[in-house]
Protein backbone atom coordinates (compact mmCIF):
# COMPACT_ATOMS: atom_id res chain seq x y z
CA UNK A 1 0.11 0.13 0.13
CA UNK A 2 2.99 2.35 0.75
CA UNK A 3 4.91 1.77 -2.23
CA UNK A 4 1.51 2.14 -4.51
CA UNK A 5 0.87 5.48 -2.60
CA UNK A 6 4.76 6.64 -3.22
CA UNK A 7 4.52 5.89 -6.82
CA UNK A 8 1.19 8.02 -6.82
CA UNK A 9 3.04 11.00 -5.36
CA UNK A 10 5.76 10.65 -7.73
CA UNK A 11 3.25 10.25 -10.71
CA UNK A 12 1.70 13.78 -9.57
CA UNK A 13 4.71 15.70 -8.85
CA UNK A 14 6.51 14.62 -12.34
CA UNK A 15 2.78 15.71 -14.11
CA UNK A 16 3.15 18.84 -12.15
CA UNK A 17 6.71 19.27 -13.46
CA UNK A 18 6.09 18.15 -17.29
CA UNK A 19 2.61 19.22 -17.67
CA UNK A 20 1.49 21.60 -14.72
CA UNK A 21 -1.23 21.78 -12.58
CA UNK A 22 -3.99 20.59 -15.00
CA UNK A 23 -2.16 17.11 -15.82
CA UNK A 24 -1.91 16.66 -11.74
CA UNK A 25 -5.75 17.07 -11.39
CA UNK A 26 -6.32 15.08 -14.68
CA UNK A 27 -4.55 12.29 -12.91
CA UNK A 28 -6.35 12.63 -10.12
CA UNK A 29 -10.00 12.55 -11.53
CA UNK A 30 -10.91 16.28 -11.98
CA UNK A 31 -10.79 19.97 -10.99
CA UNK A 32 -10.49 20.47 -7.17
CA UNK A 33 -13.40 22.74 -5.32
CA UNK A 34 -12.86 26.68 -5.95
CA UNK A 35 -13.32 27.20 -2.06
CA UNK A 36 -9.81 28.34 -1.66
CA UNK A 37 -7.64 30.44 -3.78
CA UNK A 38 -5.40 27.88 -4.60
CA UNK A 39 -8.24 25.74 -5.38
CA UNK A 40 -9.93 28.06 -7.70
CA UNK A 41 -6.63 28.79 -9.81
CA UNK A 42 -6.14 25.00 -10.05
CA UNK A 43 -9.66 24.80 -11.29
CA UNK A 44 -8.91 27.26 -13.92
CA UNK A 45 -5.83 25.67 -14.74
CA UNK A 46 -7.67 22.32 -14.63
CA UNK A 47 -10.42 23.74 -17.32
CA UNK A 48 -7.97 25.29 -19.84
CA UNK A 49 -5.78 22.04 -19.83
CA UNK A 50 -8.59 19.72 -20.03
CA UNK A 51 -9.93 21.53 -23.34
CA UNK A 52 -12.87 23.28 -21.75
CA UNK A 53 -11.97 27.07 -21.64
CA UNK A 54 -15.83 27.74 -21.46
CA UNK A 55 -15.39 26.31 -17.68
CA UNK A 56 -13.38 29.30 -16.78
CA UNK A 57 -16.62 31.35 -16.32
CA UNK A 58 -17.38 29.24 -13.66
CA UNK A 59 -13.97 30.49 -11.94
CA UNK A 60 -14.30 34.48 -12.17
CA UNK A 61 -15.29 36.73 -9.60
CA UNK A 62 -18.99 37.62 -9.19
CA UNK A 63 -18.66 40.70 -10.95
CA UNK A 64 -17.01 38.79 -14.00
CA UNK A 65 -19.94 36.12 -14.13
CA UNK A 66 -22.66 38.87 -13.70
CA UNK A 67 -20.98 40.91 -16.46
CA UNK A 68 -21.20 37.73 -18.73
CA UNK A 69 -24.78 37.05 -18.06
CA UNK A 70 -25.87 40.68 -18.12
CA UNK A 71 -24.13 41.01 -21.80
CA UNK A 72 -25.71 37.78 -23.43
CA UNK A 73 -28.86 38.98 -21.72
CA UNK A 74 -28.92 42.39 -22.97
CA UNK A 75 -27.61 41.43 -26.18
CA UNK A 76 -30.16 38.90 -26.95
CA UNK A 77 -32.81 41.48 -26.18
CA UNK A 78 -31.24 43.99 -28.45
CA UNK A 79 -31.76 41.72 -31.72
CA UNK A 80 -34.77 40.86 -30.45
CA UNK A 81 -36.17 43.93 -30.58
CA UNK A 82 -34.35 44.90 -33.63
CA UNK A 83 -36.02 41.70 -35.09
CA UNK A 84 -39.26 42.51 -34.38
CA UNK A 85 -39.86 46.50 -34.47
CA UNK A 86 -37.13 47.91 -36.98
CA UNK A 87 -37.67 48.34 -40.83
CA UNK A 88 -36.36 45.57 -42.56
CA UNK A 89 -33.88 48.25 -44.13
CA UNK A 90 -32.26 49.11 -41.07
CA UNK A 91 -32.20 45.44 -39.22
CA UNK A 92 -28.80 44.25 -40.35
CA UNK A 93 -26.91 47.44 -39.16
CA UNK A 94 -29.09 47.93 -36.08
CA UNK A 95 -28.57 44.28 -35.24
CA UNK A 96 -24.69 44.28 -36.03
CA UNK A 97 -23.06 45.65 -32.87
CA UNK A 98 -25.48 42.86 -30.74
CA UNK A 99 -24.90 39.69 -33.08
CA UNK A 100 -22.10 38.08 -31.45
CA UNK A 101 -22.89 38.57 -28.06
CA UNK A 102 -26.50 37.65 -28.77
CA UNK A 103 -25.71 33.97 -30.47
CA UNK A 104 -22.93 33.19 -27.94
CA UNK A 105 -25.83 31.53 -26.05
CA UNK A 106 -25.29 32.27 -22.27
CA UNK A 107 -22.86 33.47 -19.60
CA UNK A 108 -19.85 30.67 -20.47
CA UNK A 109 -20.00 30.98 -24.18
CA UNK A 110 -19.75 34.53 -23.96
CA UNK A 111 -17.02 34.31 -21.72
CA UNK A 112 -15.35 32.23 -24.05
CA UNK A 113 -16.08 34.71 -26.95
CA UNK A 114 -14.65 37.23 -25.28
CA UNK A 115 -11.96 35.46 -23.91
CA UNK A 116 -10.73 34.32 -27.42
CA UNK A 117 -11.21 37.51 -29.31
CA UNK A 118 -9.56 39.45 -26.70
CA UNK A 119 -6.61 37.06 -26.02
CA UNK A 120 -7.46 36.31 -22.48
CA UNK A 121 -6.87 32.18 -23.05
CA UNK A 122 -3.44 33.21 -24.24
CA UNK A 123 -2.60 34.79 -21.01
CA UNK A 124 -4.11 32.38 -18.83
CA UNK A 125 -2.39 29.38 -20.86
CA UNK A 126 1.47 30.81 -20.66
CA UNK A 127 1.37 29.83 -17.35
CA UNK A 128 -1.01 26.86 -15.82
CA UNK A 129 1.51 25.66 -13.30
CA UNK A 130 0.85 25.07 -9.70
CA UNK A 131 0.22 27.47 -6.90
CA UNK A 132 3.99 28.29 -5.26
CA UNK A 133 2.20 30.83 -2.72
CA UNK A 134 -1.16 32.37 -1.84
CA UNK A 135 -1.44 36.04 -0.32
CA UNK A 136 -5.14 36.20 1.05
CA UNK A 137 -6.31 39.57 2.76
CA UNK A 138 -9.85 39.56 3.44
CA UNK A 139 -12.27 39.03 0.40
CA UNK A 140 -9.20 39.21 -1.58
CA UNK A 141 -6.06 36.90 -2.92
CA UNK A 142 -3.20 36.79 -4.78
CA UNK A 143 -2.15 33.57 -6.14
CA UNK A 144 1.57 32.85 -7.53
CA UNK A 145 2.07 30.42 -9.72
CA UNK A 146 5.31 28.13 -9.72
CA UNK A 147 6.71 29.80 -12.61
CA UNK A 148 5.85 33.57 -10.98
CA UNK A 149 2.46 34.37 -12.89
CA UNK A 150 0.37 36.47 -10.03
CA UNK A 151 -3.65 36.22 -10.53
CA UNK A 152 -5.69 38.33 -8.29
CA UNK A 153 -8.96 36.59 -6.91
CA UNK A 154 -12.17 37.92 -4.95
CA UNK A 155 -14.44 35.50 -2.67
CA UNK A 156 -17.90 35.27 -4.28
CA UNK A 157 -20.93 35.48 -2.21
CA UNK A 158 -21.13 31.51 -2.95
CA UNK A 159 -17.92 31.14 -0.86
CA UNK A 160 -15.90 30.06 -3.85
CA UNK A 161 -13.51 32.48 -5.28
CA UNK A 162 -12.75 33.60 -8.77
CA UNK A 163 -10.47 35.77 -11.00
CA UNK A 164 -10.76 39.28 -11.37
CA UNK A 165 -8.34 40.43 -13.97
CA UNK A 166 -11.36 40.33 -16.92
CA UNK A 167 -14.07 41.90 -14.49
CA UNK A 168 -13.33 45.53 -15.16
CA UNK A 169 -13.54 45.17 -18.80
CA UNK A 170 -16.53 43.13 -18.86
CA UNK A 171 -18.07 45.27 -16.61
CA UNK A 172 -17.64 48.41 -18.64
CA UNK A 173 -19.11 46.26 -22.18
CA UNK A 174 -22.29 45.47 -19.76
CA UNK A 175 -22.80 49.14 -19.04
CA UNK A 176 -22.23 50.19 -22.54
CA UNK A 177 -24.81 47.47 -23.44
CA UNK A 178 -27.36 48.45 -20.72
CA UNK A 179 -27.29 51.99 -22.03
CA UNK A 180 -27.83 50.90 -25.70
CA UNK A 181 -30.68 48.52 -24.87
CA UNK A 182 -32.69 51.86 -23.39
CA UNK A 183 -31.91 53.44 -27.04
CA UNK A 184 -32.58 50.28 -28.86
CA UNK A 185 -36.04 49.99 -26.76
CA UNK A 186 -37.03 53.44 -27.51
CA UNK A 187 -36.27 53.49 -31.42
CA UNK A 188 -38.45 50.04 -31.35
CA UNK A 189 -41.19 51.38 -29.52
CA UNK A 190 -41.24 54.32 -32.03
CA UNK A 191 -41.43 51.88 -35.10
CA UNK A 192 -44.00 50.04 -33.25
CA UNK A 193 -46.10 52.97 -33.03
CA UNK A 194 -45.51 54.25 -36.26
CA UNK A 195 -46.35 51.07 -37.93
CA UNK A 196 -45.62 49.78 -41.34
CA UNK A 197 -44.09 52.10 -43.41
């Protein structure tokens, strides 16, 4: 029994050195719980290393998750209003700014769309090594990887921890889209009142 355990420990250590945290967690049977900062980073590494980058959305902080949900929802509503009320000649132009987010199909898919187009996945994939240190201060923490990358995380209301790096940009997009949606809705009401041309 002891030698089998020793072999398992050696195999996991080798996986961490050779392939990073994702390989080690794959050997152990899956992603760890994100209830600690180290566990959250390991879950991010596992999602990326196992070919499931959309799952990184599950390990964003609450602000990032909320922004992804709002963007997907508001973009879908904007396209719906344009398609229902705008004149045919104006629909393609009016729909264009919202079409990709509306087609995404939900918060995780929206995250993947934005993370791919903005290079965020490349940033995260550049260092999927294991956790070397954690500096925790109240509701915030910084995880430093074995290769020296630093990732800030925040505690979510559900008790999990999530990455904060992308939340500000997602939040700005969400706020911009909420303002746009008000304008789209007003124009849709005007077109509906005016009736067909």
